[in-house]
Amino acid sequence: MLDFGRVYAAYGGLFIVLSLLWGWIVEGESPDAPSMVGALIALIGAAVIIYWPRAA
């Protein structure tokens, strides 16, 4: 179950970033500052979930 959570966290963080990139590149809408900060927080959160050492 632990591996599923890590994969899901990675997917969620990347989905947010790719959504902003899609809007920027395909739709021509550049993301605003709060969107960029939120995406950065999501990626940092995903990295913590994925890479934080765990007791076996």
C-alpha atoms as a PDB file:
ATOM      1  CA  MET A   1       0.000   0.000   0.000  1.00  0.00           C
ATOM      2  CA  LEU A   2       2.881   2.357   0.701  1.00  0.00           C
ATOM      3  CA  ASP A   3       4.159   2.206  -2.874  1.00  0.00           C
ATOM      4  CA  PHE A   4       0.719   3.110  -4.207  1.00  0.00           C
ATOM      5  CA  GLY A   5       0.688   6.262  -2.081  1.00  0.00           C
ATOM      6  CA  ARG A   6       4.064   7.337  -3.379  1.00  0.00           C
ATOM      7  CA  VAL A   7       3.091   6.767  -6.992  1.00  0.00           C
ATOM      8  CA  TYR A   8      -0.198   8.613  -6.483  1.00  0.00           C
ATOM      9  CA  ALA A   9       1.640  11.575  -4.892  1.00  0.00           C
ATOM     10  CA  ALA A  10       4.036  11.752  -7.835  1.00  0.00           C
ATOM     11  CA  TYR A  11       1.128  11.595 -10.272  1.00  0.00           C
ATOM     12  CA  GLY A  12      -0.744  14.339  -8.443  1.00  0.00           C
ATOM     13  CA  GLY A  13       2.217  16.710  -8.351  1.00  0.00           C
ATOM     14  CA  LEU A  14       3.037  16.178 -12.010  1.00  0.00           C
ATOM     15  CA  PHE A  15      -0.616  16.476 -13.029  1.00  0.00           C
ATOM     16  CA  ILE A  16      -0.820  19.943 -11.498  1.00  0.00           C
ATOM     17  CA  VAL A  17       2.360  21.128 -13.208  1.00  0.00           C
ATOM     18  CA  LEU A  18       1.431  19.602 -16.571  1.00  0.00           C
ATOM     19  CA  SER A  19      -2.020  21.195 -16.357  1.00  0.00           C
ATOM     20  CA  LEU A  20      -0.421  24.612 -15.996  1.00  0.00           C
ATOM     21  CA  LEU A  21       1.966  23.895 -18.863  1.00  0.00           C
ATOM     22  CA  TRP A  22      -0.918  22.753 -21.072  1.00  0.00           C
ATOM     23  CA  GLY A  23      -2.801  25.968 -20.390  1.00  0.00           C
ATOM     24  CA  TRP A  24       0.299  28.015 -21.067  1.00  0.00           C
ATOM     25  CA  ILE A  25       1.514  26.280 -24.246  1.00  0.00           C
ATOM     26  CA  VAL A  26      -1.691  25.028 -25.875  1.00  0.00           C
ATOM     27  CA  GLU A  27      -4.247  27.571 -24.730  1.00  0.00           C
ATOM     28  CA  GLY A  28      -1.922  30.575 -24.500  1.00  0.00           C
ATOM     29  CA  GLU A  29      -2.906  31.424 -20.909  1.00  0.00           C
ATOM     30  CA  SER A  30       0.162  32.066 -18.788  1.00  0.00           C
ATOM     31  CA  PRO A  31      -0.180  30.961 -15.157  1.00  0.00           C
ATOM     32  CA  ASP A  32      -0.279  33.649 -12.495  1.00  0.00           C
ATOM     33  CA  ALA A  33       1.956  33.815  -9.430  1.00  0.00           C
ATOM     34  CA  PRO A  34      -0.408  31.951  -7.058  1.00  0.00           C
ATOM     35  CA  SER A  35      -0.708  29.099  -9.558  1.00  0.00           C
ATOM     36  CA  MET A  36       3.054  28.830  -9.879  1.00  0.00           C
ATOM     37  CA  VAL A  37       3.542  28.890  -6.102  1.00  0.00           C
ATOM     38  CA  GLY A  38       0.813  26.269  -5.662  1.00  0.00           C
ATOM     39  CA  ALA A  39       2.422  24.014  -8.265  1.00  0.00           C
ATOM     40  CA  LEU A  40       5.774  24.372  -6.526  1.00  0.00           C
ATOM     41  CA  ILE A  41       4.203  23.478  -3.179  1.00  0.00           C
ATOM     42  CA  ALA A  42       2.548  20.445  -4.780  1.00  0.00           C
ATOM     43  CA  LEU A  43       5.874  19.259  -6.218  1.00  0.00           C
ATOM     44  CA  ILE A  44       7.644  19.771  -2.902  1.00  0.00           C
ATOM     45  CA  GLY A  45       4.892  17.853  -1.123  1.00  0.00           C
ATOM     46  CA  ALA A  46       5.119  15.013  -3.629  1.00  0.00           C
ATOM     47  CA  ALA A  47       8.893  14.911  -3.210  1.00  0.00           C
ATOM     48  CA  VAL A  48       8.536  14.690   0.578  1.00  0.00           C
ATOM     49  CA  ILE A  49       6.078  11.799   0.264  1.00  0.00           C
ATOM     50  CA  ILE A  50       8.247   9.983  -2.270  1.00  0.00           C
ATOM     51  CA  TYR A  51      11.747  10.496  -0.878  1.00  0.00           C
ATOM     52  CA  TRP A  52      11.358  10.892   2.910  1.00  0.00           C
ATOM     53  CA  PRO A  53      13.110   7.944   4.584  1.00  0.00           C
ATOM     54  CA  ARG A  54      10.754   5.442   6.148  1.00  0.00           C
ATOM     55  CA  ALA A  55      11.239   2.832   8.821  1.00  0.00           C
ATOM     56  CA  ALA A  56      11.001  -0.630   7.341  1.00  0.00           C
END
